[in-house]
Protein backbone atom coordinates (compact mmCIF):
# COMPACT_ATOMS: atom_id res chain seq x y z
CA UNK A 1 0.00 0.00 0.00
CA UNK A 2 1.22 3.48 -0.90
CA UNK A 3 0.01 6.58 0.93
CA UNK A 4 0.61 9.82 -0.94
CA UNK A 5 -0.73 13.34 -1.49
CA UNK A 6 -3.81 13.40 -3.71
CA UNK A 7 -3.55 14.56 -7.30
CA UNK A 8 -6.23 16.49 -9.14
CA UNK A 9 -6.87 13.38 -11.24
CA UNK A 10 -7.71 11.48 -8.01
CA UNK A 11 -10.65 13.73 -7.11
CA UNK A 12 -13.38 11.74 -8.93
CA UNK A 13 -12.35 8.53 -7.13
CA UNK A 14 -12.12 10.36 -3.80
CA UNK A 15 -15.68 11.59 -4.35
CA UNK A 16 -16.78 7.98 -4.95
CA UNK A 17 -15.34 7.09 -1.54
CA UNK A 18 -16.91 10.19 0.04
CA UNK A 19 -20.24 9.04 -1.38
CA UNK A 20 -19.77 5.65 0.34
CA UNK A 21 -19.16 7.45 3.64
CA UNK A 22 -22.20 9.65 3.08
CA UNK A 23 -24.38 6.59 2.54
CA UNK A 24 -23.01 5.02 5.73
CA UNK A 25 -24.07 8.11 7.65
CA UNK A 26 -27.53 8.04 6.11
CA UNK A 27 -28.09 4.32 6.70
CA UNK A 28 -27.07 4.66 10.35
CA UNK A 29 -28.92 7.90 11.06
CA UNK A 30 -31.61 8.72 8.48
CA UNK A 31 -33.04 11.17 11.01
CA UNK A 32 -29.87 13.27 10.74
CA UNK A 33 -28.63 12.77 7.16
CA UNK A 34 -30.17 12.81 3.70
CA UNK A 35 -29.58 10.11 1.06
CA UNK A 36 -27.55 10.73 -2.05
CA UNK A 37 -24.52 12.83 -2.73
CA UNK A 38 -25.51 16.37 -3.78
CA UNK A 39 -23.32 18.30 -6.21
CA UNK A 40 -22.45 20.82 -3.47
CA UNK A 41 -20.78 18.07 -1.46
CA UNK A 42 -18.92 16.83 -4.52
CA UNK A 43 -17.81 20.36 -5.45
CA UNK A 44 -16.47 21.05 -1.95
CA UNK A 45 -13.65 18.56 -2.58
CA UNK A 46 -12.18 20.96 -5.15
CA UNK A 47 -12.29 23.76 -2.54
CA UNK A 48 -10.39 21.58 -0.08
CA UNK A 49 -7.90 20.51 -2.74
CA UNK A 50 -7.08 24.14 -3.63
CA UNK A 51 -6.89 25.53 -0.08
CA UNK A 52 -3.44 26.42 1.29
CA UNK A 53 -4.30 25.22 4.80
CA UNK A 54 -5.64 21.83 3.70
CA UNK A 55 -4.15 18.61 2.41
CA UNK A 56 -5.73 15.50 0.97
CA UNK A 57 -3.95 12.17 1.12
CA UNK A 58 -4.87 8.86 -0.46
CA UNK A 59 -3.99 5.20 0.05
CA UNK A 60 -3.40 3.20 -3.08
CA UNK A 61 -3.42 -0.59 -3.45
CA UNK A 62 -2.87 -2.31 -6.80
CA UNK A 63 -3.06 1.08 -8.57
CA UNK A 64 -6.50 1.75 -7.06
CA UNK A 65 -7.29 4.46 -4.50
CA UNK A 66 -8.85 2.67 -1.53
CA UNK A 67 -8.85 5.40 1.13
CA UNK A 68 -8.60 9.15 1.58
CA UNK A 69 -8.23 11.70 4.32
CA UNK A 70 -8.84 15.46 4.18
CA UNK A 71 -6.64 17.32 6.66
CA UNK A 72 -6.96 20.93 7.81
CA UNK A 73 -4.53 23.12 9.72
CA UNK A 74 -6.64 24.88 12.35
CA UNK A 75 -5.58 28.02 14.22
CA UNK A 76 -7.90 29.65 16.71
CA UNK A 77 -7.03 32.77 18.70
CA UNK A 78 -7.11 32.95 22.45
CA UNK A 79 -10.34 34.08 24.06
CA UNK A 80 -11.20 34.91 27.66
CA UNK A 81 -12.41 31.29 27.92
CA UNK A 82 -9.60 29.33 26.25
CA UNK A 83 -6.02 29.62 25.04
CA UNK A 84 -5.04 29.92 21.39
CA UNK A 85 -5.03 26.58 19.59
CA UNK A 86 -3.11 25.21 16.63
CA UNK A 87 -3.78 21.63 15.56
CA UNK A 88 -4.19 19.30 12.60
CA UNK A 89 -7.78 18.27 12.03
CA UNK A 90 -8.87 15.14 10.21
CA UNK A 91 -11.87 16.74 8.54
CA UNK A 92 -12.91 13.68 6.50
CA UNK A 93 -11.65 10.13 6.22
CA UNK A 94 -12.93 7.07 4.41
CA UNK A 95 -11.91 3.57 3.41
CA UNK A 96 -13.43 1.69 0.48
CA UNK A 97 -15.94 -0.89 1.68
CA UNK A 98 -14.04 -3.63 -0.20
CA UNK A 99 -10.91 -3.26 1.98
CA UNK A 100 -12.35 -2.32 5.36
CA UNK A 101 -11.01 -4.16 8.41
CA UNK A 102 -7.68 -4.83 6.70
CA UNK A 103 -5.59 -2.17 8.46
CA UNK A 104 -5.94 0.54 5.81
CA UNK A 105 -7.45 3.05 8.24
CA UNK A 106 -4.70 2.34 10.78
CA UNK A 107 -2.03 2.95 8.13
CA UNK A 108 -3.76 6.20 7.16
CA UNK A 109 -3.68 7.39 10.77
CA UNK A 110 -0.01 6.45 11.05
CA UNK A 111 0.67 8.68 8.03
CA UNK A 112 -1.47 11.47 9.48
CA UNK A 113 0.56 11.31 12.71
CA UNK A 114 3.76 11.49 10.66
CA UNK A 115 2.46 14.53 8.73
CA UNK A 116 1.47 16.23 11.99
CA UNK A 117 4.91 15.61 13.53
CA UNK A 118 6.69 16.82 10.40
CA UNK A 119 4.68 20.05 10.44
CA UNK A 120 5.23 20.59 14.17
CA UNK A 121 1.68 19.92 15.36
CA UNK A 122 1.38 18.61 18.87
CA UNK A 123 -2.30 17.77 18.52
CA UNK A 124 -4.52 15.96 16.01
CA UNK A 125 -8.31 16.16 16.25
CA UNK A 126 -10.92 14.17 14.41
CA UNK A 127 -13.95 16.09 13.13
CA UNK A 128 -16.94 13.91 13.97
CA UNK A 129 -20.62 14.04 13.11
């Protein structure tokens, strides 16, 4: 398995995986999520891909993308209630249903930890719904 930065040509496949994740959310909580994969959600991947404070990585097996993660560098200023924060956020992550429970997600998180260390982050947070 190879984990690498996403290329523009990877975006359609990443959106296929994002659609799988979206359907998982809907099937588990139809009271909170809607079925399908609206164009706005698909288009947002391009926004993330082009943002300077974001990075998308993919896992590839046998020349096929089987997982992705969208990472965001988050900086929040200090307030009277909390100190300033600077951390790496895992905004989205997904593994193709055909390779789940085979260690792909674990390898992705190992790479995310490496990226965070390399960039000097002391904290990683997972955005959850």
